[in-house]
């Protein structure tokens, strides 16, 4: 049985437009540019930099959340380089097929 570590976001810093440096509870960091995934009904509003900058850490699940309900799981954020291509493709499908 494989064990999947549970990661929690400890802090973040806005380092560029739509880009955060995220620090996790295991002391690792990711610099994440979210611009390629900001499409669709939920994530599209974050293309407004004023909205994007309202990001916070949810105190219960300890991941990044926005006031409109948008969030990314902490494991996805922790392993962003492994997920960004699939997330970008998904975001493009939201752009091409608006609901």
C-alpha atoms as a PDB file:
ATOM      1  CA  UNK A   1       0.000   0.000   0.000  1.00  0.00           C
ATOM      2  CA  UNK A   2       1.487   3.319  -1.024  1.00  0.00           C
ATOM      3  CA  UNK A   3       1.301   6.281   1.264  1.00  0.00           C
ATOM      4  CA  UNK A   4       0.556   9.673  -0.249  1.00  0.00           C
ATOM      5  CA  UNK A   5       1.999  12.516   1.797  1.00  0.00           C
ATOM      6  CA  UNK A   6      -0.396  15.236   2.800  1.00  0.00           C
ATOM      7  CA  UNK A   7       1.028  18.657   2.082  1.00  0.00           C
ATOM      8  CA  UNK A   8      -0.083  21.917   3.562  1.00  0.00           C
ATOM      9  CA  UNK A   9       0.615  25.444   2.381  1.00  0.00           C
ATOM     10  CA  UNK A  10       2.399  27.412   5.096  1.00  0.00           C
ATOM     11  CA  UNK A  11       2.901  30.726   3.322  1.00  0.00           C
ATOM     12  CA  UNK A  12       3.004  32.410  -0.048  1.00  0.00           C
ATOM     13  CA  UNK A  13       4.362  35.552  -1.639  1.00  0.00           C
ATOM     14  CA  UNK A  14       3.145  37.238  -4.799  1.00  0.00           C
ATOM     15  CA  UNK A  15       6.325  37.468  -6.899  1.00  0.00           C
ATOM     16  CA  UNK A  16       4.942  38.544 -10.302  1.00  0.00           C
ATOM     17  CA  UNK A  17       1.588  38.911 -12.029  1.00  0.00           C
ATOM     18  CA  UNK A  18      -0.357  35.660 -11.511  1.00  0.00           C
ATOM     19  CA  UNK A  19       2.733  34.107  -9.918  1.00  0.00           C
ATOM     20  CA  UNK A  20       3.141  32.955  -6.335  1.00  0.00           C
ATOM     21  CA  UNK A  21       6.051  31.531  -4.416  1.00  0.00           C
ATOM     22  CA  UNK A  22       4.439  28.909  -2.210  1.00  0.00           C
ATOM     23  CA  UNK A  23       6.101  27.357   0.854  1.00  0.00           C
ATOM     24  CA  UNK A  24       4.878  24.002   2.158  1.00  0.00           C
ATOM     25  CA  UNK A  25       5.008  22.312   5.544  1.00  0.00           C
ATOM     26  CA  UNK A  26       7.919  20.121   4.387  1.00  0.00           C
ATOM     27  CA  UNK A  27       9.932  23.345   3.750  1.00  0.00           C
ATOM     28  CA  UNK A  28       9.847  22.908  -0.027  1.00  0.00           C
ATOM     29  CA  UNK A  29       8.825  25.753  -2.300  1.00  0.00           C
ATOM     30  CA  UNK A  30       7.285  26.131  -5.725  1.00  0.00           C
ATOM     31  CA  UNK A  31       7.164  29.257  -7.841  1.00  0.00           C
ATOM     32  CA  UNK A  32       3.886  28.863  -9.706  1.00  0.00           C
ATOM     33  CA  UNK A  33       2.710  30.963 -12.625  1.00  0.00           C
ATOM     34  CA  UNK A  34      -1.036  30.318 -12.771  1.00  0.00           C
ATOM     35  CA  UNK A  35      -1.710  32.305 -15.976  1.00  0.00           C
ATOM     36  CA  UNK A  36      -2.016  29.200 -18.199  1.00  0.00           C
ATOM     37  CA  UNK A  37      -4.800  27.702 -16.058  1.00  0.00           C
ATOM     38  CA  UNK A  38      -6.953  30.793 -15.473  1.00  0.00           C
ATOM     39  CA  UNK A  39      -9.871  29.901 -17.729  1.00  0.00           C
ATOM     40  CA  UNK A  40     -13.455  28.850 -17.263  1.00  0.00           C
ATOM     41  CA  UNK A  41     -16.200  29.925 -14.914  1.00  0.00           C
ATOM     42  CA  UNK A  42     -14.274  29.309 -11.683  1.00  0.00           C
ATOM     43  CA  UNK A  43     -10.679  30.239 -12.557  1.00  0.00           C
ATOM     44  CA  UNK A  44     -11.319  32.762 -15.359  1.00  0.00           C
ATOM     45  CA  UNK A  45     -12.183  35.601 -12.937  1.00  0.00           C
ATOM     46  CA  UNK A  46      -8.665  35.273 -11.487  1.00  0.00           C
ATOM     47  CA  UNK A  47      -7.305  36.752 -14.749  1.00  0.00           C
ATOM     48  CA  UNK A  48      -8.240  40.066 -13.136  1.00  0.00           C
ATOM     49  CA  UNK A  49      -5.083  40.749 -11.170  1.00  0.00           C
ATOM     50  CA  UNK A  50      -7.057  42.527  -8.441  1.00  0.00           C
ATOM     51  CA  UNK A  51      -9.058  39.344  -7.891  1.00  0.00           C
ATOM     52  CA  UNK A  52      -5.973  37.113  -8.157  1.00  0.00           C
ATOM     53  CA  UNK A  53      -4.231  39.128  -5.432  1.00  0.00           C
ATOM     54  CA  UNK A  54      -7.068  38.309  -3.005  1.00  0.00           C
ATOM     55  CA  UNK A  55      -5.588  34.822  -2.561  1.00  0.00           C
ATOM     56  CA  UNK A  56      -5.441  33.537   1.004  1.00  0.00           C
ATOM     57  CA  UNK A  57      -4.559  30.350   2.845  1.00  0.00           C
ATOM     58  CA  UNK A  58      -7.656  28.466   3.969  1.00  0.00           C
ATOM     59  CA  UNK A  59      -7.157  27.804   7.701  1.00  0.00           C
ATOM     60  CA  UNK A  60      -8.867  24.400   7.600  1.00  0.00           C
ATOM     61  CA  UNK A  61      -7.414  22.684   4.539  1.00  0.00           C
ATOM     62  CA  UNK A  62      -4.295  24.859   4.368  1.00  0.00           C
ATOM     63  CA  UNK A  63      -4.296  25.471   0.654  1.00  0.00           C
ATOM     64  CA  UNK A  64      -4.632  28.557  -1.516  1.00  0.00           C
ATOM     65  CA  UNK A  65      -8.180  29.859  -1.957  1.00  0.00           C
ATOM     66  CA  UNK A  66      -9.807  32.857  -3.586  1.00  0.00           C
ATOM     67  CA  UNK A  67     -13.006  34.672  -2.504  1.00  0.00           C
ATOM     68  CA  UNK A  68     -14.969  33.262  -5.486  1.00  0.00           C
ATOM     69  CA  UNK A  69     -14.362  29.680  -4.294  1.00  0.00           C
ATOM     70  CA  UNK A  70     -11.468  28.880  -6.634  1.00  0.00           C
ATOM     71  CA  UNK A  71      -8.772  26.732  -5.084  1.00  0.00           C
ATOM     72  CA  UNK A  72      -6.101  24.193  -5.923  1.00  0.00           C
ATOM     73  CA  UNK A  73      -5.408  21.150  -3.773  1.00  0.00           C
ATOM     74  CA  UNK A  74      -2.213  21.417  -1.748  1.00  0.00           C
ATOM     75  CA  UNK A  75      -0.809  18.208  -3.291  1.00  0.00           C
ATOM     76  CA  UNK A  76      -1.348  19.673  -6.782  1.00  0.00           C
ATOM     77  CA  UNK A  77       0.425  22.870  -5.756  1.00  0.00           C
ATOM     78  CA  UNK A  78       3.259  20.930  -4.109  1.00  0.00           C
ATOM     79  CA  UNK A  79       3.841  18.873  -7.259  1.00  0.00           C
ATOM     80  CA  UNK A  80       2.890  21.619  -9.750  1.00  0.00           C
ATOM     81  CA  UNK A  81       5.512  20.718 -12.406  1.00  0.00           C
ATOM     82  CA  UNK A  82       3.924  17.247 -12.681  1.00  0.00           C
ATOM     83  CA  UNK A  83       0.402  18.671 -13.099  1.00  0.00           C
ATOM     84  CA  UNK A  84       0.748  21.920 -15.049  1.00  0.00           C
ATOM     85  CA  UNK A  85       0.546  20.410 -18.551  1.00  0.00           C
ATOM     86  CA  UNK A  86      -2.673  18.503 -17.784  1.00  0.00           C
ATOM     87  CA  UNK A  87      -4.180  21.477 -15.953  1.00  0.00           C
ATOM     88  CA  UNK A  88      -3.334  23.801 -18.850  1.00  0.00           C
ATOM     89  CA  UNK A  89      -5.007  21.413 -21.322  1.00  0.00           C
ATOM     90  CA  UNK A  90      -8.063  21.235 -19.068  1.00  0.00           C
ATOM     91  CA  UNK A  91      -8.184  25.027 -18.811  1.00  0.00           C
ATOM     92  CA  UNK A  92      -8.010  25.302 -22.601  1.00  0.00           C
ATOM     93  CA  UNK A  93     -10.984  22.945 -22.901  1.00  0.00           C
ATOM     94  CA  UNK A  94     -12.934  25.225 -20.538  1.00  0.00           C
ATOM     95  CA  UNK A  95     -12.044  28.154 -22.775  1.00  0.00           C
ATOM     96  CA  UNK A  96     -13.142  26.323 -25.923  1.00  0.00           C
ATOM     97  CA  UNK A  97     -16.296  24.827 -24.393  1.00  0.00           C
ATOM     98  CA  UNK A  98     -17.789  27.452 -22.072  1.00  0.00           C
ATOM     99  CA  UNK A  99     -20.696  26.139 -20.048  1.00  0.00           C
END
